[in-house]
Amino acid sequence: MTALDLLLPSSCAGCGRRGTACCATCLAGFGPPTQIQVPGVGPPVWALAAYHGAARELVLAFKERGARPLVAWFGALVAAALVAVGPPPWTLVPAPSRRSAARDRGGDHMLRIARAVHVAAVAPVLGLAAGVRDSVGLGAGARRRNLEGRVVVGGRPPPGTVVLLDDVVTTGATAAACVRALRGCGVRTHAVLVLTSARLRQSG
């Protein structure tokens, strides 16, 4: 991908159709938020799409392949979904990334999406301590152990409906660790909102 592709994308990151960063067909793969069952998380978890097909490709293109123009689409999707997950005012708390991963991606991808949601405040208060491994390939138990005690809180979100925002939920280990860390600082997480869910795919 060239710098010109980032500024003037020539094809849809989901299907390759020329002319737009995200075509209407692929965008339609994201629907209204669906509440899913994720044991151990606590607050309600909502997902906008299953983690497969065009939705998966769009998330990976933004997260791993530098498809920056998708931020506007994701921001609009999250803004529309907030009405279903709780009353305003909303505060988005982006799920943290490992520092090395964020550096390789040119910044924190979830913070970038949160800042594109113009109807909500953004509180980037969560971080990961040293020693957290990449979760790809880890089972549920290993993911929990990987994050245990390693989500750190660097401030308090403003009052309102606090929504933890992430790109995908699989086992729920990340969401659960973030919710626990916030609760340990006296902050209630009212909902978890994810762009995609592997669990939704299994049930749908």
N, C-alpha and C. Protein backbone atom coordinates (compact mmCIF):
# COMPACT_ATOMS: atom_id res chain seq x y z
N MET A 1 0.84 -1.20 0.00
CA MET A 1 0.00 0.00 0.00
C MET A 1 0.88 1.25 0.00
N THR A 2 0.59 2.17 -0.89
CA THR A 2 1.37 3.40 -0.99
C THR A 2 0.73 4.52 -0.21
N ALA A 3 1.49 5.62 -0.06
CA ALA A 3 0.94 6.78 0.63
C ALA A 3 -0.28 7.32 -0.11
N LEU A 4 -0.25 7.24 -1.44
CA LEU A 4 -1.40 7.72 -2.22
C LEU A 4 -2.63 6.87 -1.97
N ASP A 5 -2.44 5.55 -1.79
CA ASP A 5 -3.57 4.67 -1.49
C ASP A 5 -4.22 5.05 -0.17
N LEU A 6 -3.41 5.47 0.81
CA LEU A 6 -3.96 5.85 2.11
C LEU A 6 -4.80 7.12 1.99
N LEU A 7 -4.36 8.04 1.16
CA LEU A 7 -5.08 9.31 1.01
C LEU A 7 -6.28 9.17 0.08
N LEU A 8 -6.10 8.42 -1.00
CA LEU A 8 -7.15 8.25 -1.99
C LEU A 8 -7.33 6.77 -2.28
N PRO A 9 -7.96 6.04 -1.38
CA PRO A 9 -8.07 4.59 -1.54
C PRO A 9 -8.79 4.23 -2.83
N SER A 10 -8.23 3.27 -3.56
CA SER A 10 -8.79 2.92 -4.86
C SER A 10 -9.72 1.73 -4.80
N SER A 11 -9.76 1.02 -3.68
CA SER A 11 -10.61 -0.15 -3.60
C SER A 11 -11.08 -0.39 -2.18
N CYS A 12 -12.20 -1.09 -2.05
CA CYS A 12 -12.79 -1.41 -0.75
C CYS A 12 -11.89 -2.39 -0.01
N ALA A 13 -11.59 -2.09 1.23
CA ALA A 13 -10.73 -2.96 2.03
C ALA A 13 -11.41 -4.28 2.38
N GLY A 14 -12.72 -4.35 2.22
CA GLY A 14 -13.43 -5.58 2.54
C GLY A 14 -13.52 -6.55 1.38
N CYS A 15 -13.75 -6.04 0.17
CA CYS A 15 -13.99 -6.93 -0.97
C CYS A 15 -13.16 -6.60 -2.21
N GLY A 16 -12.48 -5.45 -2.20
CA GLY A 16 -11.67 -5.08 -3.34
C GLY A 16 -12.38 -4.29 -4.40
N ARG A 17 -13.66 -4.02 -4.23
CA ARG A 17 -14.40 -3.23 -5.21
C ARG A 17 -13.78 -1.84 -5.33
N ARG A 18 -13.58 -1.39 -6.54
CA ARG A 18 -12.88 -0.14 -6.75
C ARG A 18 -13.77 1.07 -6.48
N GLY A 19 -13.12 2.17 -6.00
CA GLY A 19 -13.80 3.44 -5.89
C GLY A 19 -14.04 3.97 -4.51
N THR A 20 -13.87 3.14 -3.48
CA THR A 20 -14.14 3.60 -2.12
C THR A 20 -13.37 2.75 -1.12
N ALA A 21 -13.08 3.32 0.04
CA ALA A 21 -12.39 2.56 1.09
C ALA A 21 -13.27 1.49 1.69
N CYS A 22 -14.58 1.69 1.63
CA CYS A 22 -15.54 0.72 2.18
C CYS A 22 -16.82 0.82 1.39
N CYS A 23 -17.16 -0.21 0.64
CA CYS A 23 -18.36 -0.16 -0.19
C CYS A 23 -19.61 -0.39 0.66
N ALA A 24 -20.76 -0.06 0.11
CA ALA A 24 -22.02 -0.17 0.84
C ALA A 24 -22.33 -1.61 1.21
N THR A 25 -21.96 -2.55 0.35
CA THR A 25 -22.24 -3.96 0.62
C THR A 25 -21.47 -4.45 1.84
N CYS A 26 -20.19 -4.11 1.90
CA CYS A 26 -19.38 -4.54 3.05
C CYS A 26 -19.79 -3.81 4.33
N LEU A 27 -20.13 -2.54 4.21
CA LEU A 27 -20.57 -1.79 5.38
C LEU A 27 -21.85 -2.39 5.95
N ALA A 28 -22.69 -2.94 5.08
CA ALA A 28 -23.95 -3.54 5.53
C ALA A 28 -23.73 -4.80 6.36
N GLY A 29 -22.49 -5.32 6.36
CA GLY A 29 -22.19 -6.46 7.23
C GLY A 29 -22.20 -6.11 8.70
N PHE A 30 -22.10 -4.82 9.00
CA PHE A 30 -22.22 -4.34 10.37
C PHE A 30 -23.66 -3.90 10.59
N GLY A 31 -24.29 -4.45 11.62
CA GLY A 31 -25.67 -4.11 11.88
C GLY A 31 -25.84 -3.38 13.21
N PRO A 32 -27.08 -3.27 13.66
CA PRO A 32 -27.31 -2.72 15.00
C PRO A 32 -26.61 -3.59 16.03
N PRO A 33 -26.25 -3.05 17.18
CA PRO A 33 -25.55 -3.85 18.18
C PRO A 33 -26.39 -5.02 18.67
N THR A 34 -25.75 -6.18 18.74
CA THR A 34 -26.37 -7.41 19.23
C THR A 34 -25.73 -7.78 20.56
N GLN A 35 -26.53 -7.97 21.58
CA GLN A 35 -25.97 -8.37 22.87
C GLN A 35 -25.58 -9.84 22.82
N ILE A 36 -24.38 -10.14 23.28
CA ILE A 36 -23.87 -11.50 23.26
C ILE A 36 -23.47 -11.93 24.66
N GLN A 37 -23.45 -13.24 24.86
CA GLN A 37 -23.09 -13.78 26.15
C GLN A 37 -21.58 -14.05 26.19
N VAL A 38 -20.89 -13.36 27.09
CA VAL A 38 -19.45 -13.56 27.27
C VAL A 38 -19.22 -13.80 28.75
N PRO A 39 -19.12 -15.04 29.18
CA PRO A 39 -18.97 -15.34 30.61
C PRO A 39 -17.76 -14.65 31.23
N GLY A 40 -17.98 -14.12 32.43
CA GLY A 40 -16.88 -13.55 33.19
C GLY A 40 -16.61 -12.09 32.97
N VAL A 41 -17.28 -11.47 32.00
CA VAL A 41 -17.00 -10.06 31.72
C VAL A 41 -17.70 -9.14 32.70
N GLY A 42 -18.97 -9.38 32.97
CA GLY A 42 -19.71 -8.54 33.91
C GLY A 42 -20.76 -7.71 33.22
N PRO A 43 -20.41 -6.52 32.71
CA PRO A 43 -21.41 -5.67 32.06
C PRO A 43 -21.85 -6.28 30.72
N PRO A 44 -22.97 -5.82 30.18
CA PRO A 44 -23.42 -6.33 28.88
C PRO A 44 -22.38 -6.10 27.79
N VAL A 45 -22.26 -7.08 26.90
CA VAL A 45 -21.33 -7.00 25.77
C VAL A 45 -22.14 -6.92 24.48
N TRP A 46 -21.83 -5.95 23.65
CA TRP A 46 -22.56 -5.72 22.40
C TRP A 46 -21.58 -5.81 21.24
N ALA A 47 -22.00 -6.45 20.16
CA ALA A 47 -21.16 -6.58 18.96
C ALA A 47 -21.93 -6.08 17.75
N LEU A 48 -21.19 -5.49 16.80
CA LEU A 48 -21.81 -4.95 15.59
C LEU A 48 -21.77 -5.92 14.43
N ALA A 49 -20.93 -6.94 14.49
CA ALA A 49 -20.83 -7.91 13.39
C ALA A 49 -20.10 -9.14 13.89
N ALA A 50 -20.28 -10.25 13.18
CA ALA A 50 -19.49 -11.45 13.43
C ALA A 50 -18.09 -11.26 12.85
N TYR A 51 -17.13 -11.90 13.46
CA TYR A 51 -15.74 -11.75 13.03
C TYR A 51 -15.44 -12.72 11.88
N HIS A 52 -15.99 -12.43 10.73
CA HIS A 52 -15.68 -13.20 9.54
C HIS A 52 -16.12 -12.40 8.32
N GLY A 53 -15.73 -12.85 7.16
CA GLY A 53 -16.14 -12.19 5.94
C GLY A 53 -15.61 -10.77 5.82
N ALA A 54 -16.43 -9.93 5.22
CA ALA A 54 -16.02 -8.55 4.97
C ALA A 54 -15.75 -7.78 6.25
N ALA A 55 -16.55 -8.02 7.30
CA ALA A 55 -16.33 -7.30 8.56
C ALA A 55 -14.94 -7.59 9.12
N ARG A 56 -14.55 -8.85 9.09
CA ARG A 56 -13.20 -9.22 9.55
C ARG A 56 -12.14 -8.55 8.70
N GLU A 57 -12.32 -8.57 7.39
CA GLU A 57 -11.33 -7.97 6.50
C GLU A 57 -11.18 -6.47 6.75
N LEU A 58 -12.29 -5.79 7.00
CA LEU A 58 -12.23 -4.36 7.25
C LEU A 58 -11.50 -4.05 8.55
N VAL A 59 -11.79 -4.82 9.60
CA VAL A 59 -11.11 -4.62 10.88
C VAL A 59 -9.61 -4.86 10.73
N LEU A 60 -9.23 -5.94 10.05
CA LEU A 60 -7.81 -6.24 9.88
C LEU A 60 -7.12 -5.22 8.98
N ALA A 61 -7.83 -4.74 7.96
CA ALA A 61 -7.24 -3.73 7.08
C ALA A 61 -6.93 -2.46 7.86
N PHE A 62 -7.83 -2.07 8.75
CA PHE A 62 -7.60 -0.87 9.55
C PHE A 62 -6.53 -1.11 10.60
N LYS A 63 -6.59 -2.25 11.25
CA LYS A 63 -5.72 -2.54 12.39
C LYS A 63 -4.29 -2.86 11.96
N GLU A 64 -4.16 -3.68 10.92
CA GLU A 64 -2.85 -4.22 10.58
C GLU A 64 -2.28 -3.71 9.25
N ARG A 65 -3.13 -3.18 8.38
CA ARG A 65 -2.64 -2.84 7.04
C ARG A 65 -2.75 -1.35 6.72
N GLY A 66 -2.97 -0.54 7.76
CA GLY A 66 -2.89 0.90 7.58
C GLY A 66 -3.99 1.54 6.77
N ALA A 67 -5.18 0.94 6.74
CA ALA A 67 -6.29 1.51 5.98
C ALA A 67 -6.95 2.62 6.80
N ARG A 68 -6.26 3.74 6.95
CA ARG A 68 -6.70 4.82 7.82
C ARG A 68 -8.06 5.43 7.45
N PRO A 69 -8.43 5.52 6.15
CA PRO A 69 -9.73 6.13 5.84
C PRO A 69 -10.93 5.40 6.46
N LEU A 70 -10.74 4.14 6.88
CA LEU A 70 -11.85 3.40 7.48
C LEU A 70 -12.26 3.97 8.83
N VAL A 71 -11.42 4.82 9.42
CA VAL A 71 -11.75 5.34 10.75
C VAL A 71 -13.08 6.09 10.75
N ALA A 72 -13.39 6.78 9.66
CA ALA A 72 -14.64 7.53 9.61
C ALA A 72 -15.84 6.59 9.62
N TRP A 73 -15.75 5.48 8.90
CA TRP A 73 -16.84 4.50 8.88
C TRP A 73 -17.01 3.88 10.26
N PHE A 74 -15.91 3.44 10.87
CA PHE A 74 -16.00 2.82 12.19
C PHE A 74 -16.52 3.82 13.23
N GLY A 75 -16.08 5.05 13.15
CA GLY A 75 -16.56 6.05 14.09
C GLY A 75 -18.06 6.25 13.98
N ALA A 76 -18.57 6.27 12.74
CA ALA A 76 -20.01 6.44 12.54
C ALA A 76 -20.79 5.24 13.05
N LEU A 77 -20.26 4.03 12.84
CA LEU A 77 -20.93 2.83 13.33
C LEU A 77 -21.03 2.83 14.85
N VAL A 78 -19.94 3.18 15.51
CA VAL A 78 -19.93 3.22 16.98
C VAL A 78 -20.88 4.29 17.49
N ALA A 79 -20.88 5.46 16.86
CA ALA A 79 -21.76 6.54 17.30
C ALA A 79 -23.22 6.12 17.23
N ALA A 80 -23.60 5.45 16.14
CA ALA A 80 -24.98 5.00 16.00
C ALA A 80 -25.34 3.93 17.03
N ALA A 81 -24.36 3.10 17.40
CA ALA A 81 -24.63 2.00 18.32
C ALA A 81 -24.78 2.45 19.76
N LEU A 82 -24.19 3.57 20.13
CA LEU A 82 -24.20 3.98 21.54
C LEU A 82 -25.60 4.18 22.09
N VAL A 83 -26.53 4.58 21.26
CA VAL A 83 -27.89 4.79 21.73
C VAL A 83 -28.47 3.51 22.32
N ALA A 84 -28.10 2.36 21.75
CA ALA A 84 -28.63 1.09 22.22
C ALA A 84 -27.97 0.60 23.50
N VAL A 85 -26.71 0.98 23.74
CA VAL A 85 -25.99 0.39 24.87
C VAL A 85 -26.12 1.18 26.16
N GLY A 86 -26.63 2.40 26.09
CA GLY A 86 -26.81 3.17 27.31
C GLY A 86 -27.14 4.62 27.01
N PRO A 87 -27.62 5.35 28.02
CA PRO A 87 -28.02 6.74 27.81
C PRO A 87 -26.81 7.68 27.78
N PRO A 88 -26.94 8.81 27.11
CA PRO A 88 -25.87 9.82 27.16
C PRO A 88 -25.84 10.50 28.51
N PRO A 89 -24.73 11.17 28.84
CA PRO A 89 -23.50 11.31 28.04
C PRO A 89 -22.66 10.03 28.09
N TRP A 90 -21.98 9.75 26.95
CA TRP A 90 -21.16 8.56 26.84
C TRP A 90 -19.68 8.90 26.97
N THR A 91 -18.95 7.98 27.57
CA THR A 91 -17.50 8.07 27.61
C THR A 91 -16.93 6.75 27.09
N LEU A 92 -16.14 6.84 26.03
CA LEU A 92 -15.50 5.66 25.47
C LEU A 92 -14.13 5.46 26.09
N VAL A 93 -13.90 4.25 26.57
CA VAL A 93 -12.59 3.87 27.09
C VAL A 93 -12.02 2.83 26.12
N PRO A 94 -11.05 3.21 25.29
CA PRO A 94 -10.50 2.25 24.34
C PRO A 94 -9.74 1.13 25.05
N ALA A 95 -9.96 -0.10 24.61
CA ALA A 95 -9.15 -1.21 25.12
C ALA A 95 -7.70 -0.98 24.73
N PRO A 96 -6.77 -1.28 25.62
CA PRO A 96 -5.36 -0.96 25.35
C PRO A 96 -4.70 -1.96 24.42
N SER A 97 -3.66 -1.50 23.74
CA SER A 97 -2.80 -2.36 22.92
C SER A 97 -1.41 -2.42 23.56
N ARG A 98 -0.69 -3.47 23.24
CA ARG A 98 0.72 -3.51 23.65
C ARG A 98 1.47 -2.37 22.97
N ARG A 99 2.41 -1.80 23.68
CA ARG A 99 3.13 -0.65 23.13
C ARG A 99 3.83 -0.98 21.82
N SER A 100 4.42 -2.15 21.75
CA SER A 100 5.12 -2.52 20.53
C SER A 100 4.15 -2.67 19.36
N ALA A 101 2.96 -3.23 19.63
CA ALA A 101 1.97 -3.39 18.57
C ALA A 101 1.47 -2.03 18.09
N ALA A 102 1.19 -1.12 19.03
CA ALA A 102 0.73 0.21 18.65
C ALA A 102 1.81 0.93 17.85
N ARG A 103 3.05 0.76 18.23
CA ARG A 103 4.15 1.40 17.50
C ARG A 103 4.23 0.87 16.07
N ASP A 104 4.09 -0.44 15.92
CA ASP A 104 4.16 -1.04 14.59
C ASP A 104 3.00 -0.59 13.71
N ARG A 105 1.85 -0.29 14.34
CA ARG A 105 0.67 0.13 13.58
C ARG A 105 0.60 1.63 13.36
N GLY A 106 1.57 2.34 13.85
CA GLY A 106 1.54 3.79 13.68
C GLY A 106 0.62 4.49 14.64
N GLY A 107 0.31 3.86 15.78
CA GLY A 107 -0.56 4.45 16.78
C GLY A 107 -1.57 3.45 17.29
N ASP A 108 -2.28 3.85 18.32
CA ASP A 108 -3.30 3.00 18.94
C ASP A 108 -4.56 3.03 18.08
N HIS A 109 -4.90 1.89 17.48
CA HIS A 109 -6.02 1.88 16.51
C HIS A 109 -7.37 2.11 17.18
N MET A 110 -7.56 1.60 18.40
CA MET A 110 -8.86 1.80 19.05
C MET A 110 -9.01 3.23 19.56
N LEU A 111 -7.92 3.85 19.97
CA LEU A 111 -8.00 5.25 20.35
C LEU A 111 -8.36 6.10 19.13
N ARG A 112 -7.82 5.75 17.99
CA ARG A 112 -8.13 6.49 16.76
C ARG A 112 -9.62 6.41 16.43
N ILE A 113 -10.20 5.21 16.58
CA ILE A 113 -11.63 5.05 16.32
C ILE A 113 -12.44 5.82 17.35
N ALA A 114 -12.09 5.71 18.62
CA ALA A 114 -12.84 6.40 19.67
C ALA A 114 -12.87 7.90 19.41
N ARG A 115 -11.77 8.47 18.96
CA ARG A 115 -11.72 9.91 18.71
C ARG A 115 -12.53 10.31 17.48
N ALA A 116 -12.91 9.34 16.65
CA ALA A 116 -13.77 9.63 15.50
C ALA A 116 -15.25 9.58 15.85
N VAL A 117 -15.55 9.23 17.10
CA VAL A 117 -16.95 9.17 17.57
C VAL A 117 -17.25 10.51 18.22
N HIS A 118 -17.79 11.43 17.47
CA HIS A 118 -17.87 12.81 17.93
C HIS A 118 -18.99 13.06 18.95
N VAL A 119 -19.82 12.04 19.21
CA VAL A 119 -20.91 12.23 20.18
C VAL A 119 -20.50 11.78 21.58
N ALA A 120 -19.27 11.30 21.74
CA ALA A 120 -18.85 10.76 23.04
C ALA A 120 -17.52 11.36 23.47
N ALA A 121 -17.33 11.44 24.79
CA ALA A 121 -16.02 11.78 25.32
C ALA A 121 -15.11 10.56 25.20
N VAL A 122 -13.82 10.78 25.21
CA VAL A 122 -12.85 9.70 25.10
C VAL A 122 -11.91 9.76 26.30
N ALA A 123 -11.74 8.62 26.95
CA ALA A 123 -10.86 8.54 28.12
C ALA A 123 -9.86 7.41 27.92
N PRO A 124 -8.70 7.70 27.34
CA PRO A 124 -7.69 6.66 27.11
C PRO A 124 -6.89 6.36 28.38
N VAL A 125 -7.56 5.79 29.36
CA VAL A 125 -6.97 5.63 30.69
C VAL A 125 -6.36 4.26 30.92
N LEU A 126 -6.55 3.32 29.98
CA LEU A 126 -6.06 1.96 30.18
C LEU A 126 -4.76 1.73 29.42
N GLY A 127 -3.88 0.97 30.03
CA GLY A 127 -2.63 0.58 29.40
C GLY A 127 -2.27 -0.84 29.81
N LEU A 128 -1.25 -1.38 29.15
CA LEU A 128 -0.78 -2.73 29.47
C LEU A 128 0.63 -2.65 30.02
N ALA A 129 0.85 -3.34 31.11
CA ALA A 129 2.18 -3.39 31.70
C ALA A 129 3.10 -4.26 30.86
N ALA A 130 4.38 -4.17 31.12
CA ALA A 130 5.36 -4.99 30.41
C ALA A 130 5.08 -6.47 30.68
N GLY A 131 5.38 -7.28 29.68
CA GLY A 131 5.24 -8.72 29.85
C GLY A 131 4.03 -9.32 29.21
N VAL A 132 3.11 -8.50 28.70
CA VAL A 132 1.92 -9.02 28.03
C VAL A 132 2.31 -9.51 26.64
N ARG A 133 1.93 -10.75 26.33
CA ARG A 133 2.24 -11.35 25.04
C ARG A 133 1.11 -11.08 24.04
N ASP A 134 1.43 -11.26 22.76
CA ASP A 134 0.40 -11.24 21.73
C ASP A 134 -0.57 -12.38 22.02
N SER A 135 -1.87 -12.10 21.99
CA SER A 135 -2.87 -13.10 22.36
C SER A 135 -3.19 -14.07 21.24
N VAL A 136 -2.73 -13.79 20.02
CA VAL A 136 -3.03 -14.68 18.89
C VAL A 136 -2.47 -16.07 19.16
N GLY A 137 -3.33 -17.08 19.06
CA GLY A 137 -2.92 -18.45 19.28
C GLY A 137 -3.05 -18.93 20.71
N LEU A 138 -3.37 -18.03 21.64
CA LEU A 138 -3.53 -18.43 23.03
C LEU A 138 -4.96 -18.89 23.30
N GLY A 139 -5.11 -19.90 24.12
CA GLY A 139 -6.42 -20.35 24.54
C GLY A 139 -7.00 -19.44 25.60
N ALA A 140 -8.22 -19.75 26.02
CA ALA A 140 -8.93 -18.89 26.97
C ALA A 140 -8.15 -18.74 28.28
N GLY A 141 -7.68 -19.85 28.85
CA GLY A 141 -6.96 -19.78 30.11
C GLY A 141 -5.66 -19.02 29.97
N ALA A 142 -4.94 -19.25 28.89
CA ALA A 142 -3.67 -18.55 28.67
C ALA A 142 -3.89 -17.06 28.46
N ARG A 143 -4.98 -16.71 27.81
CA ARG A 143 -5.28 -15.28 27.63
C ARG A 143 -5.55 -14.61 28.97
N ARG A 144 -6.29 -15.28 29.83
CA ARG A 144 -6.56 -14.71 31.16
C ARG A 144 -5.27 -14.53 31.94
N ARG A 145 -4.43 -15.55 31.94
CA ARG A 145 -3.17 -15.47 32.69
C ARG A 145 -2.24 -14.40 32.10
N ASN A 146 -2.29 -14.25 30.80
CA ASN A 146 -1.45 -13.27 30.12
C ASN A 146 -1.76 -11.85 30.59
N LEU A 147 -3.04 -11.57 30.89
CA LEU A 147 -3.46 -10.22 31.26
C LEU A 147 -3.62 -10.01 32.75
N GLU A 148 -3.55 -11.08 33.52
CA GLU A 148 -3.83 -10.97 34.95
C GLU A 148 -2.88 -9.98 35.63
N GLY A 149 -3.49 -8.93 36.21
CA GLY A 149 -2.72 -7.92 36.91
C GLY A 149 -1.90 -7.01 36.02
N ARG A 150 -2.09 -7.09 34.71
CA ARG A 150 -1.24 -6.31 33.80
C ARG A 150 -1.99 -5.20 33.06
N VAL A 151 -3.28 -5.02 33.36
CA VAL A 151 -4.00 -3.86 32.83
C VAL A 151 -3.92 -2.75 33.86
N VAL A 152 -3.34 -1.64 33.48
CA VAL A 152 -3.13 -0.54 34.41
C VAL A 152 -4.05 0.62 34.06
N VAL A 153 -4.46 1.35 35.08
CA VAL A 153 -5.38 2.48 34.91
C VAL A 153 -4.64 3.76 35.24
N GLY A 154 -4.65 4.70 34.30
CA GLY A 154 -3.89 5.93 34.47
C GLY A 154 -4.74 7.17 34.63
N GLY A 155 -5.95 7.00 35.16
CA GLY A 155 -6.84 8.14 35.36
C GLY A 155 -8.27 7.68 35.51
N ARG A 156 -9.17 8.65 35.64
CA ARG A 156 -10.58 8.33 35.80
C ARG A 156 -11.37 8.93 34.64
N PRO A 157 -12.27 8.14 34.03
CA PRO A 157 -13.14 8.69 32.99
C PRO A 157 -14.09 9.73 33.58
N PRO A 158 -14.56 10.68 32.77
CA PRO A 158 -15.56 11.62 33.26
C PRO A 158 -16.86 10.89 33.56
N PRO A 159 -17.75 11.48 34.37
CA PRO A 159 -19.00 10.81 34.71
C PRO A 159 -19.86 10.62 33.47
N GLY A 160 -20.70 9.59 33.52
CA GLY A 160 -21.57 9.27 32.40
C GLY A 160 -21.59 7.78 32.18
N THR A 161 -22.09 7.35 31.03
CA THR A 161 -22.14 5.95 30.66
C THR A 161 -20.77 5.54 30.11
N VAL A 162 -20.05 4.75 30.88
CA VAL A 162 -18.69 4.34 30.49
C VAL A 162 -18.79 3.09 29.63
N VAL A 163 -18.26 3.17 28.42
CA VAL A 163 -18.32 2.07 27.46
C VAL A 163 -16.90 1.68 27.08
N LEU A 164 -16.54 0.44 27.35
CA LEU A 164 -15.26 -0.10 26.91
C LEU A 164 -15.38 -0.45 25.43
N LEU A 165 -14.44 0.05 24.61
CA LEU A 165 -14.51 -0.12 23.17
C LEU A 165 -13.34 -0.98 22.69
N ASP A 166 -13.66 -2.02 21.89
CA ASP A 166 -12.60 -2.88 21.36
C ASP A 166 -12.98 -3.31 19.94
N ASP A 167 -12.01 -3.92 19.24
CA ASP A 167 -12.27 -4.31 17.86
C ASP A 167 -12.91 -5.69 17.74
N VAL A 168 -12.53 -6.63 18.61
CA VAL A 168 -13.06 -7.99 18.52
C VAL A 168 -13.06 -8.61 19.90
N VAL A 169 -14.07 -9.43 20.17
CA VAL A 169 -14.09 -10.22 21.40
C VAL A 169 -14.09 -11.69 20.99
N THR A 170 -13.20 -12.45 21.62
CA THR A 170 -13.14 -13.89 21.38
C THR A 170 -13.48 -14.62 22.68
N THR A 171 -12.50 -14.78 23.56
CA THR A 171 -12.77 -15.43 24.85
C THR A 171 -13.34 -14.46 25.87
N GLY A 172 -13.15 -13.16 25.66
CA GLY A 172 -13.59 -12.17 26.64
C GLY A 172 -12.53 -11.83 27.67
N ALA A 173 -11.32 -12.39 27.52
CA ALA A 173 -10.27 -12.16 28.53
C ALA A 173 -9.87 -10.69 28.61
N THR A 174 -9.74 -10.04 27.47
CA THR A 174 -9.33 -8.63 27.49
C THR A 174 -10.40 -7.76 28.12
N ALA A 175 -11.64 -7.96 27.71
CA ALA A 175 -12.74 -7.17 28.27
C ALA A 175 -12.84 -7.37 29.77
N ALA A 176 -12.75 -8.62 30.21
CA ALA A 176 -12.87 -8.90 31.64
C ALA A 176 -11.73 -8.24 32.43
N ALA A 177 -10.51 -8.31 31.90
CA ALA A 177 -9.38 -7.70 32.60
C ALA A 177 -9.52 -6.19 32.68
N CYS A 178 -10.00 -5.58 31.60
CA CYS A 178 -10.19 -4.13 31.60
C CYS A 178 -11.29 -3.71 32.58
N VAL A 179 -12.38 -4.45 32.60
CA VAL A 179 -13.48 -4.14 33.51
C VAL A 179 -13.01 -4.27 34.96
N ARG A 180 -12.24 -5.32 35.26
CA ARG A 180 -11.73 -5.50 36.62
C ARG A 180 -10.80 -4.36 37.02
N ALA A 181 -9.93 -3.97 36.10
CA ALA A 181 -8.99 -2.89 36.41
C ALA A 181 -9.71 -1.59 36.70
N LEU A 182 -10.72 -1.28 35.90
CA LEU A 182 -11.50 -0.06 36.14
C LEU A 182 -12.26 -0.16 37.46
N ARG A 183 -12.86 -1.31 37.72
CA ARG A 183 -13.61 -1.49 38.97
C ARG A 183 -12.70 -1.33 40.18
N GLY A 184 -11.45 -1.80 40.05
CA GLY A 184 -10.49 -1.66 41.14
C GLY A 184 -10.17 -0.22 41.46
N CYS A 185 -10.42 0.67 40.52
CA CYS A 185 -10.21 2.11 40.74
C CYS A 185 -11.52 2.84 41.00
N GLY A 186 -12.57 2.08 41.25
CA GLY A 186 -13.85 2.69 41.58
C GLY A 186 -14.65 3.15 40.38
N VAL A 187 -14.33 2.64 39.19
CA VAL A 187 -15.03 3.06 37.97
C VAL A 187 -15.91 1.92 37.48
N ARG A 188 -17.18 2.20 37.30
CA ARG A 188 -18.10 1.19 36.78
C ARG A 188 -18.13 1.25 35.25
N THR A 189 -17.94 0.09 34.62
CA THR A 189 -18.10 -0.03 33.18
C THR A 189 -19.54 -0.43 32.90
N HIS A 190 -20.28 0.41 32.18
CA HIS A 190 -21.70 0.14 31.96
C HIS A 190 -21.93 -0.84 30.81
N ALA A 191 -21.02 -0.87 29.85
CA ALA A 191 -21.20 -1.76 28.70
C ALA A 191 -19.86 -1.94 28.01
N VAL A 192 -19.76 -3.04 27.27
CA VAL A 192 -18.62 -3.29 26.39
C VAL A 192 -19.17 -3.31 24.96
N LEU A 193 -18.54 -2.54 24.07
CA LEU A 193 -18.98 -2.48 22.68
C LEU A 193 -17.80 -2.87 21.80
N VAL A 194 -18.02 -3.89 20.95
CA VAL A 194 -16.96 -4.36 20.06
C VAL A 194 -17.45 -4.28 18.61
N LEU A 195 -16.51 -4.04 17.72
CA LEU A 195 -16.86 -4.00 16.31
C LEU A 195 -17.28 -5.38 15.82
N THR A 196 -16.55 -6.41 16.23
CA THR A 196 -16.83 -7.77 15.77
C THR A 196 -16.69 -8.76 16.92
N SER A 197 -17.27 -9.94 16.72
CA SER A 197 -17.20 -10.97 17.74
C SER A 197 -17.10 -12.34 17.11
N ALA A 198 -16.08 -13.11 17.51
CA ALA A 198 -15.99 -14.50 17.10
C ALA A 198 -17.11 -15.32 17.72
N ARG A 199 -17.60 -14.90 18.87
CA ARG A 199 -18.68 -15.62 19.54
C ARG A 199 -19.99 -15.43 18.78
N LEU A 200 -20.19 -14.29 18.19
CA LEU A 200 -21.41 -14.06 17.40
C LEU A 200 -21.41 -14.97 16.18
N ARG A 201 -20.28 -15.21 15.62
CA ARG A 201 -20.17 -16.11 14.48
C ARG A 201 -20.59 -17.52 14.89
N GLN A 202 -20.14 -17.95 16.07
CA GLN A 202 -20.47 -19.30 16.52
C GLN A 202 -21.96 -19.48 16.75
N SER A 203 -22.63 -18.38 17.22
CA SER A 203 -24.05 -18.51 17.53
C SER A 203 -24.93 -18.18 16.34
N GLY A 204 -24.35 -17.60 15.27
CA GLY A 204 -25.16 -17.18 14.16
C GLY A 204 -24.92 -17.93 12.90
